[in-house]
């Protein structure tokens, strides 16, 4: 039996999301922290990640400081054997 995951309806993987005003992004993360602190998202389609062909099925996102803290201290459970991508988002995209 194949397990199928659905992507979260809040699309933090798109450049369009990061181009939204800060208030819109803040509200999206408030919803994620409140309703889905661990959520599954489609692969990132911009920046270096968008240039490389991938068979990536998506990624899990942690929306609270406490979850990120716990995951960062438990490498045995939370690891990415295929690496991670952390790119600088243009400063103007982060302004409100």
Protein backbone atom coordinates (compact mmCIF):
# COMPACT_ATOMS: atom_id res chain seq x y z
CA UNK A 1 0.00 0.00 0.00
CA UNK A 2 1.41 3.38 -1.01
CA UNK A 3 1.00 6.29 1.38
CA UNK A 4 0.06 9.57 -0.25
CA UNK A 5 0.73 12.82 1.57
CA UNK A 6 -1.14 15.98 0.75
CA UNK A 7 0.59 19.33 0.76
CA UNK A 8 -0.45 21.97 3.24
CA UNK A 9 -2.81 24.55 1.70
CA UNK A 10 -0.57 27.36 2.99
CA UNK A 11 2.08 27.39 0.28
CA UNK A 12 5.30 28.51 1.97
CA UNK A 13 7.26 26.88 -0.88
CA UNK A 14 6.47 29.53 -3.47
CA UNK A 15 8.26 32.77 -4.14
CA UNK A 16 4.81 34.37 -4.31
CA UNK A 17 4.26 33.60 -0.62
CA UNK A 18 7.51 35.35 0.33
CA UNK A 19 6.58 38.35 -1.85
CA UNK A 20 3.40 38.87 0.19
CA UNK A 21 3.36 41.67 2.79
CA UNK A 22 4.83 40.73 6.18
CA UNK A 23 1.36 40.82 7.76
CA UNK A 24 0.08 38.16 5.36
CA UNK A 25 3.08 35.91 6.00
CA UNK A 26 2.82 36.45 9.77
CA UNK A 27 -0.83 35.44 9.73
CA UNK A 28 -0.02 32.31 7.70
CA UNK A 29 2.57 31.27 10.27
CA UNK A 30 0.15 32.05 13.12
CA UNK A 31 -2.30 29.61 11.53
CA UNK A 32 0.42 26.99 11.10
CA UNK A 33 1.62 27.37 14.70
CA UNK A 34 -1.95 27.17 16.03
CA UNK A 35 -3.45 24.49 13.76
CA UNK A 36 -0.61 22.56 12.09
CA UNK A 37 2.72 23.10 13.89
CA UNK A 38 4.18 20.25 11.83
CA UNK A 39 3.08 20.48 8.21
CA UNK A 40 4.06 18.94 4.87
CA UNK A 41 4.82 21.20 1.87
CA UNK A 42 5.49 20.83 -1.83
CA UNK A 43 9.10 21.10 -2.99
CA UNK A 44 10.57 24.60 -3.22
CA UNK A 45 10.41 25.89 -6.78
CA UNK A 46 12.64 28.97 -6.68
CA UNK A 47 16.25 29.88 -6.09
CA UNK A 48 18.87 27.15 -6.26
CA UNK A 49 16.28 24.53 -5.35
CA UNK A 50 14.26 25.42 -8.46
CA UNK A 51 17.25 24.96 -10.76
CA UNK A 52 18.00 21.37 -9.91
CA UNK A 53 15.87 18.47 -11.11
CA UNK A 54 14.47 16.64 -8.15
CA UNK A 55 12.42 13.65 -7.25
CA UNK A 56 11.77 15.28 -3.90
CA UNK A 57 8.26 14.65 -2.73
CA UNK A 58 8.21 17.67 -0.45
CA UNK A 59 9.36 18.56 3.03
CA UNK A 60 8.16 18.84 6.59
CA UNK A 61 8.11 22.29 8.20
CA UNK A 62 8.16 23.08 11.91
CA UNK A 63 6.32 26.28 12.77
CA UNK A 64 7.30 26.91 16.37
CA UNK A 65 10.54 27.80 18.08
CA UNK A 66 10.12 24.95 20.58
CA UNK A 67 9.71 22.33 17.83
CA UNK A 68 12.74 23.66 15.93
CA UNK A 69 14.77 23.66 19.15
CA UNK A 70 13.80 20.07 19.95
CA UNK A 71 14.47 18.86 16.41
CA UNK A 72 17.86 20.59 16.25
CA UNK A 73 18.94 18.76 19.39
CA UNK A 74 17.86 15.30 18.21
CA UNK A 75 19.85 14.52 15.08
CA UNK A 76 19.13 10.81 15.37
CA UNK A 77 15.41 11.35 14.85
CA UNK A 78 15.43 14.52 12.76
CA UNK A 79 17.94 14.35 9.96
CA UNK A 80 18.08 14.97 6.25
CA UNK A 81 20.29 12.41 4.58
CA UNK A 82 19.89 14.29 1.30
CA UNK A 83 20.89 17.68 2.67
CA UNK A 84 19.06 20.90 3.31
CA UNK A 85 18.71 24.14 1.40
CA UNK A 86 18.70 27.39 3.29
CA UNK A 87 18.93 30.37 1.00
CA UNK A 88 18.87 34.04 1.77
CA UNK A 89 15.53 35.51 0.82
CA UNK A 90 15.79 38.98 -0.65
CA UNK A 91 15.47 41.57 2.10
CA UNK A 92 12.82 43.47 0.18
CA UNK A 93 10.68 40.31 0.17
CA UNK A 94 10.76 40.25 3.95
CA UNK A 95 9.70 43.85 4.44
CA UNK A 96 6.07 44.59 5.22
